[in-house]
PDB file of all heavy atoms in Angstrom:
ATOM      1  N   TRP A   1      -9.776   1.840  -2.143  1.00  0.00           N
ATOM      2  CA  TRP A   1      -9.377   3.081  -1.466  1.00  0.00           C
ATOM      3  C   TRP A   1      -9.143   2.916   0.028  1.00  0.00           C
ATOM      4  O   TRP A   1      -8.501   3.771   0.656  1.00  0.00           O
ATOM      5  CB  TRP A   1     -10.413   4.167  -1.714  1.00  0.00           C
ATOM      6  CG  TRP A   1     -11.766   3.903  -1.112  1.00  0.00           C
ATOM      7  CD1 TRP A   1     -12.748   3.108  -1.611  1.00  0.00           C
ATOM      8  CD2 TRP A   1     -12.284   4.437   0.111  1.00  0.00           C
ATOM      9  NE1 TRP A   1     -13.851   3.113  -0.797  1.00  0.00           N
ATOM     10  CE2 TRP A   1     -13.590   3.919   0.278  1.00  0.00           C
ATOM     11  CE3 TRP A   1     -11.771   5.312   1.081  1.00  0.00           C
ATOM     12  CZ2 TRP A   1     -14.388   4.234   1.381  1.00  0.00           C
ATOM     13  CZ3 TRP A   1     -12.570   5.625   2.177  1.00  0.00           C
ATOM     14  CH2 TRP A   1     -13.862   5.089   2.313  1.00  0.00           C
ATOM     15  N   GLN A   2      -9.598   1.809   0.619  1.00  0.00           N
ATOM     16  CA  GLN A   2      -9.401   1.580   2.050  1.00  0.00           C
ATOM     17  C   GLN A   2      -8.349   0.514   2.339  1.00  0.00           C
ATOM     18  O   GLN A   2      -8.195   0.101   3.487  1.00  0.00           O
ATOM     19  CB  GLN A   2     -10.722   1.160   2.707  1.00  0.00           C
ATOM     20  CG  GLN A   2     -11.803   2.226   2.694  1.00  0.00           C
ATOM     21  CD  GLN A   2     -13.099   1.729   3.297  1.00  0.00           C
ATOM     22  OE1 GLN A   2     -13.640   0.696   2.913  1.00  0.00           O
ATOM     23  NE2 GLN A   2     -13.608   2.459   4.271  1.00  0.00           N
ATOM     24  N   GLN A   3      -7.610   0.076   1.339  1.00  0.00           N
ATOM     25  CA  GLN A   3      -6.757  -1.106   1.498  1.00  0.00           C
ATOM     26  C   GLN A   3      -5.268  -0.815   1.643  1.00  0.00           C
ATOM     27  O   GLN A   3      -4.475  -1.745   1.735  1.00  0.00           O
ATOM     28  CB  GLN A   3      -6.976  -2.058   0.315  1.00  0.00           C
ATOM     29  CG  GLN A   3      -8.360  -2.696   0.306  1.00  0.00           C
ATOM     30  CD  GLN A   3      -8.549  -3.618  -0.887  1.00  0.00           C
ATOM     31  OE1 GLN A   3      -8.225  -3.264  -2.013  1.00  0.00           O
ATOM     32  NE2 GLN A   3      -9.068  -4.817  -0.629  1.00  0.00           N
ATOM     33  N   ARG A   4      -4.877   0.427   1.668  1.00  0.00           N
ATOM     34  CA  ARG A   4      -3.439   0.729   1.705  1.00  0.00           C
ATOM     35  C   ARG A   4      -2.734   0.040   2.869  1.00  0.00           C
ATOM     36  O   ARG A   4      -1.702  -0.623   2.686  1.00  0.00           O
ATOM     37  CB  ARG A   4      -3.209   2.240   1.785  1.00  0.00           C
ATOM     38  CG  ARG A   4      -1.725   2.622   1.924  1.00  0.00           C
ATOM     39  CD  ARG A   4      -1.534   4.130   2.002  1.00  0.00           C
ATOM     40  NE  ARG A   4      -2.258   4.721   3.112  1.00  0.00           N
ATOM     41  CZ  ARG A   4      -1.823   4.759   4.380  1.00  0.00           C
ATOM     42  NH1 ARG A   4      -0.651   4.216   4.687  1.00  0.00           N
ATOM     43  NH2 ARG A   4      -2.533   5.334   5.327  1.00  0.00           N
ATOM     44  N   GLU A   5      -3.274   0.176   4.063  1.00  0.00           N
ATOM     45  CA  GLU A   5      -2.575  -0.351   5.240  1.00  0.00           C
ATOM     46  C   GLU A   5      -2.493  -1.870   5.216  1.00  0.00           C
ATOM     47  O   GLU A   5      -1.437  -2.449   5.504  1.00  0.00           O
ATOM     48  CB  GLU A   5      -3.266   0.136   6.515  1.00  0.00           C
ATOM     49  CG  GLU A   5      -3.103   1.627   6.761  1.00  0.00           C
ATOM     50  CD  GLU A   5      -3.696   2.055   8.094  1.00  0.00           C
ATOM     51  OE1 GLU A   5      -4.185   1.183   8.843  1.00  0.00           O
ATOM     52  OE2 GLU A   5      -3.663   3.260   8.391  1.00  0.00           O
ATOM     53  N   VAL A   6      -3.583  -2.541   4.854  1.00  0.00           N
ATOM     54  CA  VAL A   6      -3.564  -4.014   4.906  1.00  0.00           C
ATOM     55  C   VAL A   6      -2.690  -4.594   3.794  1.00  0.00           C
ATOM     56  O   VAL A   6      -1.972  -5.578   4.010  1.00  0.00           O
ATOM     57  CB  VAL A   6      -4.990  -4.607   4.844  1.00  0.00           C
ATOM     58  CG1 VAL A   6      -5.744  -4.317   6.115  1.00  0.00           C
ATOM     59  CG2 VAL A   6      -5.756  -4.112   3.626  1.00  0.00           C
ATOM     60  N   VAL A   7      -2.726  -3.988   2.612  1.00  0.00           N
ATOM     61  CA  VAL A   7      -1.891  -4.495   1.522  1.00  0.00           C
ATOM     62  C   VAL A   7      -0.418  -4.196   1.802  1.00  0.00           C
ATOM     63  O   VAL A   7       0.452  -5.042   1.558  1.00  0.00           O
ATOM     64  CB  VAL A   7      -2.336  -3.909   0.168  1.00  0.00           C
ATOM     65  CG1 VAL A   7      -1.356  -4.299  -0.941  1.00  0.00           C
ATOM     66  CG2 VAL A   7      -3.738  -4.397  -0.182  1.00  0.00           C
ATOM     67  N   THR A   8      -0.128  -3.022   2.332  1.00  0.00           N
ATOM     68  CA  THR A   8       1.240  -2.684   2.699  1.00  0.00           C
ATOM     69  C   THR A   8       1.782  -3.662   3.734  1.00  0.00           C
ATOM     70  O   THR A   8       2.918  -4.161   3.605  1.00  0.00           O
ATOM     71  CB  THR A   8       1.305  -1.245   3.254  1.00  0.00           C
ATOM     72  OG1 THR A   8       0.957  -0.330   2.211  1.00  0.00           O
ATOM     73  CG2 THR A   8       2.702  -0.919   3.765  1.00  0.00           C
ATOM     74  N   ALA A   9       0.981  -3.976   4.740  1.00  0.00           N
ATOM     75  CA  ALA A   9       1.402  -4.920   5.779  1.00  0.00           C
ATOM     76  C   ALA A   9       1.618  -6.313   5.207  1.00  0.00           C
ATOM     77  O   ALA A   9       2.566  -7.026   5.589  1.00  0.00           O
ATOM     78  CB  ALA A   9       0.367  -4.960   6.893  1.00  0.00           C
ATOM     79  N   LEU A  10       0.758  -6.716   4.295  1.00  0.00           N
ATOM     80  CA  LEU A  10       0.863  -8.034   3.674  1.00  0.00           C
ATOM     81  C   LEU A  10       2.162  -8.153   2.875  1.00  0.00           C
ATOM     82  O   LEU A  10       2.872  -9.170   2.954  1.00  0.00           O
ATOM     83  CB  LEU A  10      -0.346  -8.261   2.773  1.00  0.00           C
ATOM     84  CG  LEU A  10      -0.482  -9.607   2.068  1.00  0.00           C
ATOM     85  CD1 LEU A  10      -0.523 -10.745   3.066  1.00  0.00           C
ATOM     86  CD2 LEU A  10      -1.745  -9.601   1.207  1.00  0.00           C
ATOM     87  N   LEU A  11       2.484  -7.120   2.115  1.00  0.00           N
ATOM     88  CA  LEU A  11       3.724  -7.130   1.344  1.00  0.00           C
ATOM     89  C   LEU A  11       4.949  -7.133   2.258  1.00  0.00           C
ATOM     90  O   LEU A  11       5.906  -7.885   2.031  1.00  0.00           O
ATOM     91  CB  LEU A  11       3.769  -5.928   0.400  1.00  0.00           C
ATOM     92  CG  LEU A  11       2.745  -5.923  -0.746  1.00  0.00           C
ATOM     93  CD1 LEU A  11       2.818  -4.600  -1.509  1.00  0.00           C
ATOM     94  CD2 LEU A  11       2.959  -7.090  -1.688  1.00  0.00           C
ATOM     95  N   ALA A  12       4.911  -6.312   3.281  1.00  0.00           N
ATOM     96  CA  ALA A  12       6.040  -6.253   4.210  1.00  0.00           C
ATOM     97  C   ALA A  12       6.266  -7.598   4.893  1.00  0.00           C
ATOM     98  O   ALA A  12       7.413  -8.039   5.065  1.00  0.00           O
ATOM     99  CB  ALA A  12       5.806  -5.159   5.250  1.00  0.00           C
ATOM    100  N   ALA A  13       5.196  -8.269   5.250  1.00  0.00           N
ATOM    101  CA  ALA A  13       5.301  -9.570   5.916  1.00  0.00           C
ATOM    102  C   ALA A  13       5.903 -10.629   5.000  1.00  0.00           C
ATOM    103  O   ALA A  13       6.435 -11.638   5.484  1.00  0.00           O
ATOM    104  CB  ALA A  13       3.923 -10.016   6.398  1.00  0.00           C
ATOM    105  N   ASN A  14       5.832 -10.401   3.699  1.00  0.00           N
ATOM    106  CA  ASN A  14       6.389 -11.357   2.750  1.00  0.00           C
ATOM    107  C   ASN A  14       7.731 -10.911   2.163  1.00  0.00           C
ATOM    108  O   ASN A  14       8.183 -11.457   1.154  1.00  0.00           O
ATOM    109  CB  ASN A  14       5.394 -11.610   1.628  1.00  0.00           C
ATOM    110  CG  ASN A  14       4.276 -12.551   2.044  1.00  0.00           C
ATOM    111  OD1 ASN A  14       4.424 -13.763   1.992  1.00  0.00           O
ATOM    112  ND2 ASN A  14       3.157 -11.974   2.493  1.00  0.00           N
ATOM    113  N   GLY A  15       8.343  -9.908   2.784  1.00  0.00           N
ATOM    114  CA  GLY A  15       9.704  -9.553   2.437  1.00  0.00           C
ATOM    115  C   GLY A  15       9.874  -8.524   1.346  1.00  0.00           C
ATOM    116  O   GLY A  15      10.995  -8.256   0.907  1.00  0.00           O
ATOM    117  N   TRP A  16       8.784  -7.910   0.893  1.00  0.00           N
ATOM    118  CA  TRP A  16       8.897  -6.846  -0.103  1.00  0.00           C
ATOM    119  C   TRP A  16       9.433  -5.578   0.574  1.00  0.00           C
ATOM    120  O   TRP A  16       9.189  -5.339   1.766  1.00  0.00           O
ATOM    121  CB  TRP A  16       7.542  -6.560  -0.740  1.00  0.00           C
ATOM    122  CG  TRP A  16       6.986  -7.709  -1.520  1.00  0.00           C
ATOM    123  CD1 TRP A  16       6.248  -8.753  -1.040  1.00  0.00           C
ATOM    124  CD2 TRP A  16       7.116  -7.934  -2.926  1.00  0.00           C
ATOM    125  NE1 TRP A  16       5.910  -9.619  -2.049  1.00  0.00           N
ATOM    126  CE2 TRP A  16       6.430  -9.146  -3.225  1.00  0.00           C
ATOM    127  CE3 TRP A  16       7.740  -7.247  -3.956  1.00  0.00           C
ATOM    128  CZ2 TRP A  16       6.362  -9.664  -4.517  1.00  0.00           C
ATOM    129  CZ3 TRP A  16       7.666  -7.755  -5.247  1.00  0.00           C
ATOM    130  CH2 TRP A  16       6.985  -8.956  -5.516  1.00  0.00           C
ATOM    131  N   THR A  17      10.133  -4.758  -0.182  1.00  0.00           N
ATOM    132  CA  THR A  17      10.739  -3.550   0.387  1.00  0.00           C
ATOM    133  C   THR A  17      10.315  -2.309  -0.400  1.00  0.00           C
ATOM    134  O   THR A  17       9.652  -2.404  -1.434  1.00  0.00           O
ATOM    135  CB  THR A  17      12.277  -3.648   0.371  1.00  0.00           C
ATOM    136  OG1 THR A  17      12.733  -3.731  -0.991  1.00  0.00           O
ATOM    137  CG2 THR A  17      12.744  -4.877   1.136  1.00  0.00           C
ATOM    138  N   ASP A  18      10.717  -1.154   0.080  1.00  0.00           N
ATOM    139  CA  ASP A  18      10.454   0.139  -0.581  1.00  0.00           C
ATOM    140  C   ASP A  18       8.973   0.296  -0.910  1.00  0.00           C
ATOM    141  O   ASP A  18       8.606   0.727  -2.013  1.00  0.00           O
ATOM    142  CB  ASP A  18      11.282   0.276  -1.865  1.00  0.00           C
ATOM    143  CG  ASP A  18      12.777   0.214  -1.607  1.00  0.00           C
ATOM    144  OD1 ASP A  18      13.199   0.623  -0.511  1.00  0.00           O
ATOM    145  OD2 ASP A  18      13.514  -0.244  -2.497  1.00  0.00           O
ATOM    146  N   ILE A  19       8.115  -0.024   0.027  1.00  0.00           N
ATOM    147  CA  ILE A  19       6.673  -0.008  -0.214  1.00  0.00           C
ATOM    148  C   ILE A  19       6.141   1.415  -0.076  1.00  0.00           C
ATOM    149  O   ILE A  19       6.332   2.073   0.946  1.00  0.00           O
ATOM    150  CB  ILE A  19       5.954  -0.939   0.779  1.00  0.00           C
ATOM    151  CG1 ILE A  19       6.535  -2.346   0.696  1.00  0.00           C
ATOM    152  CG2 ILE A  19       4.451  -0.976   0.489  1.00  0.00           C
ATOM    153  CD1 ILE A  19       6.075  -3.280   1.807  1.00  0.00           C
ATOM    154  N   VAL A  20       5.475   1.889  -1.130  1.00  0.00           N
ATOM    155  CA  VAL A  20       4.888   3.219  -1.128  1.00  0.00           C
ATOM    156  C   VAL A  20       3.506   3.137  -1.772  1.00  0.00           C
ATOM    157  O   VAL A  20       3.158   2.149  -2.407  1.00  0.00           O
ATOM    158  CB  VAL A  20       5.758   4.247  -1.895  1.00  0.00           C
ATOM    159  CG1 VAL A  20       7.090   4.447  -1.203  1.00  0.00           C
ATOM    160  CG2 VAL A  20       5.961   3.803  -3.344  1.00  0.00           C
ATOM    161  N   CYS A  21       2.724   4.207  -1.597  1.00  0.00           N
ATOM    162  CA  CYS A  21       1.377   4.243  -2.160  1.00  0.00           C
ATOM    163  C   CYS A  21       1.172   5.547  -2.919  1.00  0.00           C
ATOM    164  O   CYS A  21       1.621   6.604  -2.469  1.00  0.00           O
ATOM    165  CB  CYS A  21       0.329   4.112  -1.048  1.00  0.00           C
ATOM    166  SG  CYS A  21      -1.371   4.051  -1.657  1.00  0.00           S
ATOM    167  N   ARG A  22       0.485   5.435  -4.048  1.00  0.00           N
ATOM    168  CA  ARG A  22       0.159   6.625  -4.853  1.00  0.00           C
ATOM    169  C   ARG A  22      -1.352   6.802  -4.898  1.00  0.00           C
ATOM    170  O   ARG A  22      -2.104   5.826  -4.985  1.00  0.00           O
ATOM    171  CB  ARG A  22       0.723   6.471  -6.268  1.00  0.00           C
ATOM    172  CG  ARG A  22       0.412   7.655  -7.173  1.00  0.00           C
ATOM    173  CD  ARG A  22       1.254   7.628  -8.422  1.00  0.00           C
ATOM    174  NE  ARG A  22       0.799   8.623  -9.389  1.00  0.00           N
ATOM    175  CZ  ARG A  22       1.411   8.887 -10.525  1.00  0.00           C
ATOM    176  NH1 ARG A  22       2.525   8.241 -10.834  1.00  0.00           N
ATOM    177  NH2 ARG A  22       0.940   9.787 -11.359  1.00  0.00           N
ATOM    178  N   LYS A  23      -1.785   8.042  -4.872  1.00  0.00           N
ATOM    179  CA  LYS A  23      -3.214   8.354  -4.892  1.00  0.00           C
ATOM    180  C   LYS A  23      -3.713   8.498  -6.336  1.00  0.00           C
ATOM    181  O   LYS A  23      -2.940   8.777  -7.257  1.00  0.00           O
ATOM    182  CB  LYS A  23      -3.503   9.624  -4.097  1.00  0.00           C
ATOM    183  CG  LYS A  23      -3.204   9.491  -2.607  1.00  0.00           C
ATOM    184  CD  LYS A  23      -3.581  10.749  -1.850  1.00  0.00           C
ATOM    185  CE  LYS A  23      -3.241  10.635  -0.380  1.00  0.00           C
ATOM    186  NZ  LYS A  23      -4.005   9.557   0.299  1.00  0.00           N
ATOM    187  N   ASP A  24      -5.037   8.349  -6.512  1.00  0.00           N
ATOM    188  CA  ASP A  24      -5.639   8.522  -7.828  1.00  0.00           C
ATOM    189  C   ASP A  24      -6.055   9.979  -8.034  1.00  0.00           C
ATOM    190  O   ASP A  24      -5.782  10.846  -7.208  1.00  0.00           O
ATOM    191  CB  ASP A  24      -6.816   7.549  -8.027  1.00  0.00           C
ATOM    192  CG  ASP A  24      -7.941   7.761  -7.008  1.00  0.00           C
ATOM    193  OD1 ASP A  24      -8.064   8.878  -6.461  1.00  0.00           O
ATOM    194  OD2 ASP A  24      -8.707   6.810  -6.763  1.00  0.00           O
ATOM    195  N   PHE A  25      -6.758  10.239  -9.128  1.00  0.00           N
ATOM    196  CA  PHE A  25      -7.149  11.615  -9.446  1.00  0.00           C
ATOM    197  C   PHE A  25      -8.131  12.187  -8.433  1.00  0.00           C
ATOM    198  O   PHE A  25      -8.275  13.402  -8.318  1.00  0.00           O
ATOM    199  CB  PHE A  25      -7.769  11.666 -10.845  1.00  0.00           C
ATOM    200  CG  PHE A  25      -6.827  11.221 -11.938  1.00  0.00           C
ATOM    201  CD1 PHE A  25      -7.132  10.138 -12.734  1.00  0.00           C
ATOM    202  CD2 PHE A  25      -5.631  11.886 -12.143  1.00  0.00           C
ATOM    203  CE1 PHE A  25      -6.270   9.729 -13.741  1.00  0.00           C
ATOM    204  CE2 PHE A  25      -4.753  11.479 -13.152  1.00  0.00           C
ATOM    205  CZ  PHE A  25      -5.073  10.400 -13.951  1.00  0.00           C
ATOM    206  N   GLY A  26      -8.831  11.311  -7.704  1.00  0.00           N
ATOM    207  CA  GLY A  26      -9.783  11.769  -6.705  1.00  0.00           C
ATOM    208  C   GLY A  26      -9.190  11.904  -5.316  1.00  0.00           C
ATOM    209  O   GLY A  26      -9.900  12.208  -4.354  1.00  0.00           O
ATOM    210  N   GLY A  27      -7.879  11.677  -5.195  1.00  0.00           N
ATOM    211  CA  GLY A  27      -7.211  11.803  -3.905  1.00  0.00           C
ATOM    212  C   GLY A  27      -7.296  10.562  -3.039  1.00  0.00           C
ATOM    213  O   GLY A  27      -6.933  10.607  -1.859  1.00  0.00           O
ATOM    214  N   ASN A  28      -7.758   9.447  -3.592  1.00  0.00           N
ATOM    215  CA  ASN A  28      -7.851   8.195  -2.834  1.00  0.00           C
ATOM    216  C   ASN A  28      -6.613   7.341  -3.066  1.00  0.00           C
ATOM    217  O   ASN A  28      -6.034   7.336  -4.159  1.00  0.00           O
ATOM    218  CB  ASN A  28      -9.087   7.403  -3.267  1.00  0.00           C
ATOM    219  CG  ASN A  28     -10.374   8.123  -2.966  1.00  0.00           C
ATOM    220  OD1 ASN A  28     -10.580   8.612  -1.854  1.00  0.00           O
ATOM    221  ND2 ASN A  28     -11.257   8.212  -3.950  1.00  0.00           N
TER     222      ASN A  28
END
């Protein structure tokens, strides 16, 4: 639940695109 920013940055640094995040049933 605390990893969105670091995982998003990691993917972006490796050339992945259209990066988005979805929340779970608890809003995390």
